[in-house]
């Protein structure tokens, strides 16, 4: 049984390329139903990662 790795801090920022989500290095992460949804998902993931980074520094 293979265990898939999740996103790591090195994967950010996530970018939307049409209906695909990719790491800043161009590695595919996921697909969405539309470009608009891909943009929203990328924005939310990047916001969440940024907030986690801020939380780490403020702790």
Protein backbone atom coordinates (compact mmCIF):
# COMPACT_ATOMS: atom_id res chain seq x y z
CA UNK A 1 0.00 0.00 0.00
CA UNK A 2 1.43 3.38 -1.06
CA UNK A 3 1.10 6.40 1.20
CA UNK A 4 0.72 9.66 -0.72
CA UNK A 5 2.55 12.67 0.65
CA UNK A 6 0.55 15.84 1.23
CA UNK A 7 1.61 19.35 0.38
CA UNK A 8 4.73 20.64 2.06
CA UNK A 9 5.78 24.25 2.69
CA UNK A 10 8.19 23.95 -0.26
CA UNK A 11 5.22 23.41 -2.60
CA UNK A 12 3.85 26.92 -2.05
CA UNK A 13 2.66 29.10 -3.55
CA UNK A 14 0.13 26.97 -5.41
CA UNK A 15 -0.74 28.28 -8.86
CA UNK A 16 -3.85 27.78 -10.97
CA UNK A 17 -3.21 26.90 -14.62
CA UNK A 18 -6.61 26.76 -16.30
CA UNK A 19 -8.41 24.04 -14.31
CA UNK A 20 -5.22 22.50 -12.88
CA UNK A 21 -3.46 23.30 -9.61
CA UNK A 22 0.32 23.16 -9.61
CA UNK A 23 3.16 23.91 -7.24
CA UNK A 24 5.36 26.89 -8.04
CA UNK A 25 7.76 24.35 -9.57
CA UNK A 26 5.07 23.18 -12.00
CA UNK A 27 4.32 19.84 -10.35
CA UNK A 28 0.62 18.91 -10.65
CA UNK A 29 -1.37 18.90 -7.41
CA UNK A 30 -5.03 18.59 -8.36
CA UNK A 31 -7.72 19.33 -10.94
CA UNK A 32 -10.82 21.45 -10.49
CA UNK A 33 -14.13 21.62 -12.37
CA UNK A 34 -13.37 25.06 -13.81
CA UNK A 35 -10.72 27.78 -13.99
CA UNK A 36 -12.68 29.89 -11.49
CA UNK A 37 -12.78 27.08 -8.93
CA UNK A 38 -9.06 26.36 -9.46
CA UNK A 39 -8.28 30.03 -8.79
CA UNK A 40 -10.38 30.00 -5.62
CA UNK A 41 -8.76 26.80 -4.35
CA UNK A 42 -5.25 28.13 -5.04
CA UNK A 43 -6.06 31.39 -3.23
CA UNK A 44 -7.43 29.53 -0.19
CA UNK A 45 -4.51 27.12 -0.01
CA UNK A 46 -2.01 29.96 -0.26
CA UNK A 47 -3.87 32.00 2.36
CA UNK A 48 -3.93 29.02 4.71
CA UNK A 49 -0.22 28.32 4.21
CA UNK A 50 0.59 31.98 4.81
CA UNK A 51 -1.44 32.00 8.03
CA UNK A 52 0.29 28.83 9.25
CA UNK A 53 3.65 30.45 8.60
CA UNK A 54 2.60 33.57 10.53
CA UNK A 55 1.35 31.41 13.41
CA UNK A 56 4.68 29.58 13.54
CA UNK A 57 6.62 32.83 13.83
CA UNK A 58 4.32 34.35 16.44
CA UNK A 59 4.34 31.34 18.75
